[in-house]
N, C-alpha and C. Protein backbone atom coordinates (compact mmCIF):
# COMPACT_ATOMS: atom_id res chain seq x y z
N MET A 1 71.58 -35.82 111.49
CA MET A 1 72.11 -35.04 112.85
C MET A 1 72.52 -35.21 114.26
N LYS A 2 73.68 -34.79 114.09
CA LYS A 2 74.17 -35.12 115.76
C LYS A 2 74.30 -33.76 116.56
N ILE A 3 74.26 -33.71 117.83
CA ILE A 3 74.40 -32.91 118.80
C ILE A 3 75.10 -33.35 119.78
N TYR A 4 76.06 -32.33 119.72
CA TYR A 4 77.42 -32.23 120.85
C TYR A 4 77.35 -31.50 121.71
N SER A 5 77.89 -31.77 123.00
CA SER A 5 78.18 -31.01 124.06
C SER A 5 80.06 -30.34 124.26
N PHE A 6 79.79 -29.17 124.83
CA PHE A 6 80.82 -28.46 125.05
C PHE A 6 80.44 -28.03 126.79
N LYS A 7 79.80 -28.50 127.22
CA LYS A 7 80.14 -28.35 129.05
C LYS A 7 81.25 -28.34 129.29
N GLN A 8 81.09 -27.24 130.52
CA GLN A 8 82.21 -27.26 131.59
C GLN A 8 82.92 -28.04 131.68
N THR A 9 81.53 -29.10 132.09
CA THR A 9 82.02 -30.42 133.18
C THR A 9 82.65 -31.41 132.35
N THR A 10 82.33 -31.51 130.66
CA THR A 10 83.39 -32.43 130.14
C THR A 10 84.76 -31.73 129.62
N GLY A 11 85.02 -31.04 130.15
CA GLY A 11 86.26 -30.18 129.62
C GLY A 11 87.67 -30.56 130.38
N LYS A 12 88.83 -29.99 130.02
CA LYS A 12 89.73 -30.31 130.30
C LYS A 12 90.54 -29.35 132.17
N SER A 13 90.77 -29.43 132.70
CA SER A 13 91.52 -28.40 133.55
C SER A 13 92.08 -28.16 133.48
N ILE A 14 92.77 -26.64 133.43
CA ILE A 14 94.87 -26.74 133.11
C ILE A 14 95.22 -25.96 134.58
N GLU A 15 96.41 -26.66 135.00
CA GLU A 15 96.83 -26.20 136.14
C GLU A 15 98.08 -26.27 135.70
N LYS A 16 98.63 -26.18 134.51
CA LYS A 16 99.83 -25.75 134.15
C LYS A 16 100.22 -24.27 134.12
N PHE A 17 101.42 -23.90 134.79
CA PHE A 17 101.72 -22.50 134.98
C PHE A 17 101.11 -21.80 136.03
N ASN A 18 100.97 -22.53 136.88
CA ASN A 18 100.37 -21.98 138.22
C ASN A 18 98.72 -21.23 137.78
N SER A 19 98.25 -22.13 136.92
CA SER A 19 96.79 -21.74 136.40
C SER A 19 95.92 -22.35 137.63
N GLN A 20 94.77 -21.30 138.13
CA GLN A 20 93.95 -21.74 138.82
C GLN A 20 92.38 -21.21 137.90
N ASN A 21 91.63 -22.58 138.41
CA ASN A 21 90.20 -22.33 138.02
C ASN A 21 89.98 -22.40 136.61
N VAL A 22 90.50 -22.61 135.48
CA VAL A 22 90.56 -22.50 134.31
C VAL A 22 90.18 -23.91 133.77
N THR A 23 89.15 -24.03 133.00
CA THR A 23 88.78 -25.20 132.29
C THR A 23 88.72 -24.71 130.46
N ILE A 24 89.46 -25.68 129.51
CA ILE A 24 89.47 -25.57 127.79
C ILE A 24 88.69 -26.72 127.84
N HIS A 25 87.39 -26.36 126.66
CA HIS A 25 87.07 -27.54 126.01
C HIS A 25 87.29 -27.32 124.68
N PRO A 26 88.30 -28.46 124.05
CA PRO A 26 88.49 -28.47 122.89
C PRO A 26 87.44 -28.99 121.96
N LEU A 27 87.13 -27.95 120.87
CA LEU A 27 86.02 -27.93 119.88
C LEU A 27 86.17 -28.55 118.33
N LEU A 28 87.54 -28.05 117.75
CA LEU A 28 88.27 -28.24 117.02
C LEU A 28 89.33 -28.69 116.90
N LYS A 29 90.09 -29.55 116.48
CA LYS A 29 91.72 -29.86 116.22
C LYS A 29 91.77 -31.27 115.15
N PRO A 30 91.89 -29.92 113.90
CA PRO A 30 92.55 -31.08 113.02
C PRO A 30 94.00 -31.36 112.85
N ASP A 31 94.17 -32.46 111.96
CA ASP A 31 95.47 -32.86 112.22
C ASP A 31 96.83 -32.29 111.73
N GLU A 32 96.87 -31.00 111.21
CA GLU A 32 97.67 -29.91 111.06
C GLU A 32 97.73 -28.54 112.09
N SER A 33 98.23 -28.34 112.37
CA SER A 33 98.82 -27.73 113.62
C SER A 33 97.91 -26.07 113.64
N PHE A 34 96.54 -26.45 113.75
CA PHE A 34 95.42 -25.73 114.26
C PHE A 34 94.12 -26.28 115.15
N GLN A 35 94.12 -25.39 116.26
CA GLN A 35 92.84 -25.63 116.96
C GLN A 35 91.88 -24.55 117.32
N ILE A 36 90.64 -25.28 118.06
CA ILE A 36 89.30 -23.96 118.24
C ILE A 36 89.31 -24.96 119.78
N GLY A 37 89.33 -23.70 120.72
CA GLY A 37 88.79 -23.94 121.93
C GLY A 37 87.85 -23.05 122.77
N TYR A 38 87.12 -23.79 123.73
CA TYR A 38 86.30 -23.10 124.57
C TYR A 38 86.88 -22.82 126.05
N PHE A 39 87.15 -21.12 126.11
CA PHE A 39 87.75 -21.54 128.14
C PHE A 39 86.53 -21.10 129.15
N TYR A 40 86.61 -21.50 129.92
CA TYR A 40 85.65 -21.35 130.83
C TYR A 40 86.75 -20.23 132.22
N LEU A 41 86.50 -19.74 132.57
CA LEU A 41 87.12 -18.88 133.62
C LEU A 41 86.38 -18.95 134.51
N GLU A 42 86.63 -19.47 135.66
CA GLU A 42 85.68 -19.21 136.97
C GLU A 42 86.25 -17.53 138.01
N ALA A 43 85.59 -17.79 138.76
CA ALA A 43 85.49 -16.35 139.43
C ALA A 43 87.33 -16.35 140.19
N GLU A 44 87.79 -15.19 140.28
CA GLU A 44 89.33 -15.89 140.99
C GLU A 44 89.90 -16.70 140.05
N SER A 45 90.07 -16.56 138.86
CA SER A 45 91.20 -17.48 137.91
C SER A 45 92.40 -17.08 137.42
N VAL A 46 92.98 -17.96 136.85
CA VAL A 46 94.44 -17.38 136.05
C VAL A 46 94.74 -18.12 135.31
N LEU A 47 95.31 -18.02 133.99
CA LEU A 47 96.27 -18.89 133.49
C LEU A 47 97.27 -18.13 133.49
N GLY A 48 98.48 -19.17 133.93
CA GLY A 48 99.72 -18.32 134.55
C GLY A 48 100.32 -18.18 133.14
N MET A 49 101.23 -17.25 133.11
CA MET A 49 102.62 -16.46 132.17
C MET A 49 103.04 -17.40 131.47
N HIS A 50 102.82 -17.88 130.48
CA HIS A 50 103.41 -18.64 129.26
C HIS A 50 103.77 -18.33 128.26
N PRO A 51 104.63 -19.11 127.47
CA PRO A 51 104.92 -18.24 125.83
C PRO A 51 104.03 -19.14 124.94
N ALA A 52 102.95 -18.73 124.17
CA ALA A 52 102.21 -18.71 122.83
C ALA A 52 103.20 -19.57 122.49
N MET A 53 102.24 -20.86 122.32
CA MET A 53 103.03 -22.07 121.46
C MET A 53 103.08 -21.57 119.48
N CYS A 54 101.88 -21.45 119.64
CA CYS A 54 101.32 -20.98 118.28
C CYS A 54 100.82 -19.23 117.98
N ASP A 55 100.60 -18.71 117.04
CA ASP A 55 100.12 -17.57 117.09
C ASP A 55 98.44 -18.23 117.82
N GLN A 56 97.81 -16.73 119.21
CA GLN A 56 96.55 -17.48 119.71
C GLN A 56 95.83 -16.20 119.48
N LEU A 57 94.43 -16.41 118.97
CA LEU A 57 93.69 -15.28 119.07
C LEU A 57 92.37 -15.67 120.16
N LEU A 58 92.11 -15.46 121.23
CA LEU A 58 91.36 -15.32 122.17
C LEU A 58 90.38 -14.13 122.41
N MET A 59 88.87 -14.87 121.65
CA MET A 59 87.66 -14.13 121.77
C MET A 59 86.82 -14.11 122.97
N ILE A 60 86.75 -13.06 123.37
CA ILE A 60 85.96 -13.32 124.73
C ILE A 60 84.79 -13.22 124.36
N THR A 61 83.49 -14.25 125.64
CA THR A 61 82.28 -14.60 124.69
C THR A 61 81.30 -14.23 125.82
N SER A 62 81.79 -13.82 126.80
CA SER A 62 80.80 -13.15 128.11
C SER A 62 81.82 -13.35 129.19
N GLY A 63 81.15 -12.70 130.38
CA GLY A 63 81.91 -12.47 131.47
C GLY A 63 83.02 -11.17 131.43
N SER A 64 83.79 -11.16 131.87
CA SER A 64 84.83 -10.11 131.80
C SER A 64 86.17 -10.24 132.42
N GLY A 65 87.46 -10.14 132.00
CA GLY A 65 88.64 -10.53 132.60
C GLY A 65 89.63 -9.56 131.89
N TRP A 66 90.97 -10.29 132.14
CA TRP A 66 92.20 -8.81 131.83
C TRP A 66 92.99 -10.28 131.15
N VAL A 67 93.93 -9.24 130.17
CA VAL A 67 94.96 -9.95 129.90
C VAL A 67 96.22 -8.82 130.26
N ARG A 68 97.47 -9.68 129.81
CA ARG A 68 98.80 -9.01 129.92
C ARG A 68 99.92 -9.79 129.12
N ILE A 69 100.55 -9.25 128.87
CA ILE A 69 102.19 -9.69 128.60
C ILE A 69 103.44 -9.54 129.40
N GLU A 70 104.56 -10.21 129.49
CA GLU A 70 105.15 -10.37 130.38
C GLU A 70 106.19 -8.37 130.53
N GLY A 71 105.92 -8.16 131.66
CA GLY A 71 106.44 -6.78 131.86
C GLY A 71 105.01 -5.59 132.02
N GLU A 72 104.35 -6.28 131.68
CA GLU A 72 103.10 -4.74 131.13
C GLU A 72 101.90 -5.23 132.43
N GLU A 73 101.11 -4.33 132.30
CA GLU A 73 100.23 -4.05 133.45
C GLU A 73 98.98 -4.83 132.49
N LYS A 74 98.07 -5.34 133.32
CA LYS A 74 96.88 -5.95 132.86
C LYS A 74 95.84 -4.90 132.07
N ILE A 75 94.97 -5.37 131.11
CA ILE A 75 94.69 -4.72 130.08
C ILE A 75 92.53 -5.62 130.42
N MET A 76 91.65 -4.93 130.47
CA MET A 76 90.52 -5.62 130.66
C MET A 76 89.63 -5.65 129.30
N VAL A 77 89.43 -6.84 129.64
CA VAL A 77 88.44 -7.31 128.24
C VAL A 77 87.12 -8.14 128.66
N GLU A 78 86.28 -7.34 127.28
CA GLU A 78 84.85 -7.66 127.60
C GLU A 78 84.53 -8.63 126.08
N PRO A 79 83.23 -8.95 126.24
CA PRO A 79 82.52 -9.72 125.69
C PRO A 79 82.48 -8.79 124.12
N GLY A 80 83.23 -9.74 122.77
CA GLY A 80 83.22 -8.67 121.58
C GLY A 80 84.63 -8.12 121.42
N MET A 81 85.59 -8.43 122.53
CA MET A 81 87.21 -8.07 122.06
C MET A 81 87.38 -9.67 122.40
N ALA A 82 88.67 -9.57 121.22
CA ALA A 82 89.54 -10.53 120.68
C ALA A 82 91.16 -9.83 121.28
N VAL A 83 92.01 -11.27 121.54
CA VAL A 83 93.06 -10.61 121.96
C VAL A 83 93.80 -11.96 120.57
N TYR A 84 95.22 -11.15 120.91
CA TYR A 84 96.23 -11.75 119.42
C TYR A 84 97.23 -11.63 119.84
N TRP A 85 98.00 -13.01 120.46
CA TRP A 85 99.41 -13.18 120.75
C TRP A 85 100.06 -14.13 119.73
N GLN A 86 101.46 -13.04 119.42
CA GLN A 86 101.87 -14.64 118.48
C GLN A 86 103.27 -15.45 118.99
N ALA A 87 103.39 -16.37 118.35
CA ALA A 87 104.17 -17.45 118.78
C ALA A 87 105.19 -16.93 119.74
N GLY A 88 105.45 -17.91 120.85
CA GLY A 88 106.54 -17.15 121.86
C GLY A 88 106.26 -16.36 122.65
N GLU A 89 104.94 -15.26 122.41
CA GLU A 89 105.02 -14.37 122.99
C GLU A 89 104.61 -14.92 124.72
N MET A 90 105.12 -14.17 125.55
CA MET A 90 105.06 -14.18 127.18
C MET A 90 103.59 -13.88 127.52
N HIS A 91 102.65 -14.76 128.28
CA HIS A 91 101.27 -13.84 128.01
C HIS A 91 100.66 -14.36 128.96
N GLU A 92 99.46 -14.08 129.82
CA GLU A 92 98.72 -14.70 131.13
C GLU A 92 97.47 -13.52 131.10
N PHE A 93 96.15 -14.74 131.59
CA PHE A 93 95.11 -13.89 131.85
C PHE A 93 94.18 -14.29 132.74
N GLY A 94 93.11 -13.62 132.74
CA GLY A 94 92.15 -14.35 133.81
C GLY A 94 91.29 -13.43 134.29
N SER A 95 90.30 -13.93 135.09
CA SER A 95 89.04 -13.30 135.92
C SER A 95 88.79 -12.97 137.04
N ASP A 96 88.51 -11.70 137.49
CA ASP A 96 88.27 -11.70 139.24
C ASP A 96 86.58 -12.42 139.20
N LYS A 97 85.70 -12.22 138.18
CA LYS A 97 84.14 -12.74 138.39
C LYS A 97 84.18 -13.82 137.20
N GLY A 98 84.44 -14.01 136.09
CA GLY A 98 84.05 -15.07 135.40
C GLY A 98 83.83 -14.84 134.68
N MET A 99 84.70 -16.10 133.40
CA MET A 99 84.52 -15.22 131.51
C MET A 99 84.55 -16.43 130.72
N THR A 100 84.01 -16.54 129.83
CA THR A 100 84.27 -17.49 128.55
C THR A 100 84.92 -16.47 127.58
N ALA A 101 85.01 -17.26 126.87
CA ALA A 101 86.25 -17.21 125.52
C ALA A 101 86.47 -18.33 124.66
N ILE A 102 86.45 -17.82 123.35
CA ILE A 102 87.01 -18.77 122.40
C ILE A 102 88.76 -18.78 121.94
N VAL A 103 88.89 -20.01 122.04
CA VAL A 103 90.41 -19.56 121.10
C VAL A 103 90.72 -20.02 119.92
N ALA A 104 91.34 -19.79 119.33
CA ALA A 104 91.90 -20.50 118.45
C ALA A 104 93.50 -20.42 118.02
N GLU A 105 94.28 -21.50 117.87
CA GLU A 105 95.49 -21.78 117.64
C GLU A 105 96.09 -22.15 116.35
N GLY A 106 96.98 -21.58 116.22
CA GLY A 106 97.29 -21.88 114.61
C GLY A 106 98.63 -21.09 113.99
N SER A 107 99.12 -21.95 112.87
CA SER A 107 100.59 -20.97 112.49
C SER A 107 99.81 -20.12 111.57
N ARG A 108 98.82 -20.22 111.20
CA ARG A 108 98.47 -19.40 110.26
C ARG A 108 97.16 -18.26 110.37
N LEU A 109 97.11 -17.73 111.87
CA LEU A 109 96.12 -16.69 111.56
C LEU A 109 96.50 -15.44 111.37
N ASP A 110 95.36 -14.42 110.98
CA ASP A 110 95.97 -13.60 110.33
C ASP A 110 94.36 -12.26 110.90
N PRO A 111 94.27 -12.18 112.02
CA PRO A 111 93.13 -11.29 112.64
C PRO A 111 92.92 -10.12 111.78
N ASP A 112 94.28 -9.06 111.43
CA ASP A 112 93.88 -8.05 110.51
C ASP A 112 93.47 -8.20 109.45
N ARG A 113 93.15 -9.54 108.85
CA ARG A 113 92.19 -9.87 107.73
C ARG A 113 90.72 -9.31 107.99
N PHE A 114 90.11 -9.67 108.87
CA PHE A 114 89.12 -9.61 109.31
C PHE A 114 88.88 -8.98 110.47
N LEU A 115 89.01 -8.62 111.75
CA LEU A 115 88.90 -7.48 112.39
C LEU A 115 89.37 -6.33 112.63
N HIS A 116 88.72 -5.52 112.92
CA HIS A 116 89.15 -4.17 113.28
C HIS A 116 89.92 -4.08 114.60
N LEU A 117 91.34 -3.36 114.82
CA LEU A 117 91.81 -3.04 115.97
C LEU A 117 90.82 -1.87 117.06
N ASN A 118 91.22 -2.13 118.30
CA ASN A 118 90.38 -1.85 119.24
C ASN A 118 91.25 -0.56 119.73
N THR A 119 91.30 0.54 119.41
CA THR A 119 92.14 1.62 119.74
C THR A 119 91.82 2.41 121.15
């Protein structure tokens, strides 16, 4: 047995795209184009507007925050919600009070297969 840590203190700070107070900790990154990471968004954080490099699924695990695509208003998110962006889609997200989330990134994501749309 091996026990690993994915604490915020050992993650990578994101500063691109005018981002503030965001840390990601890669959890799984195979050689093919796919990775799973864990985001830590502190209070008053933002991961600035940028294009999705591939399909992305952001799954909120604690706290609360907001997401938006270019030209649209912010949409509030909370634990149990997942947000999907297609490759190339301009997007950003952040939190006023703090939030954590798992992100899956890859070319073969198909959230419609397993998740229910939140209408």
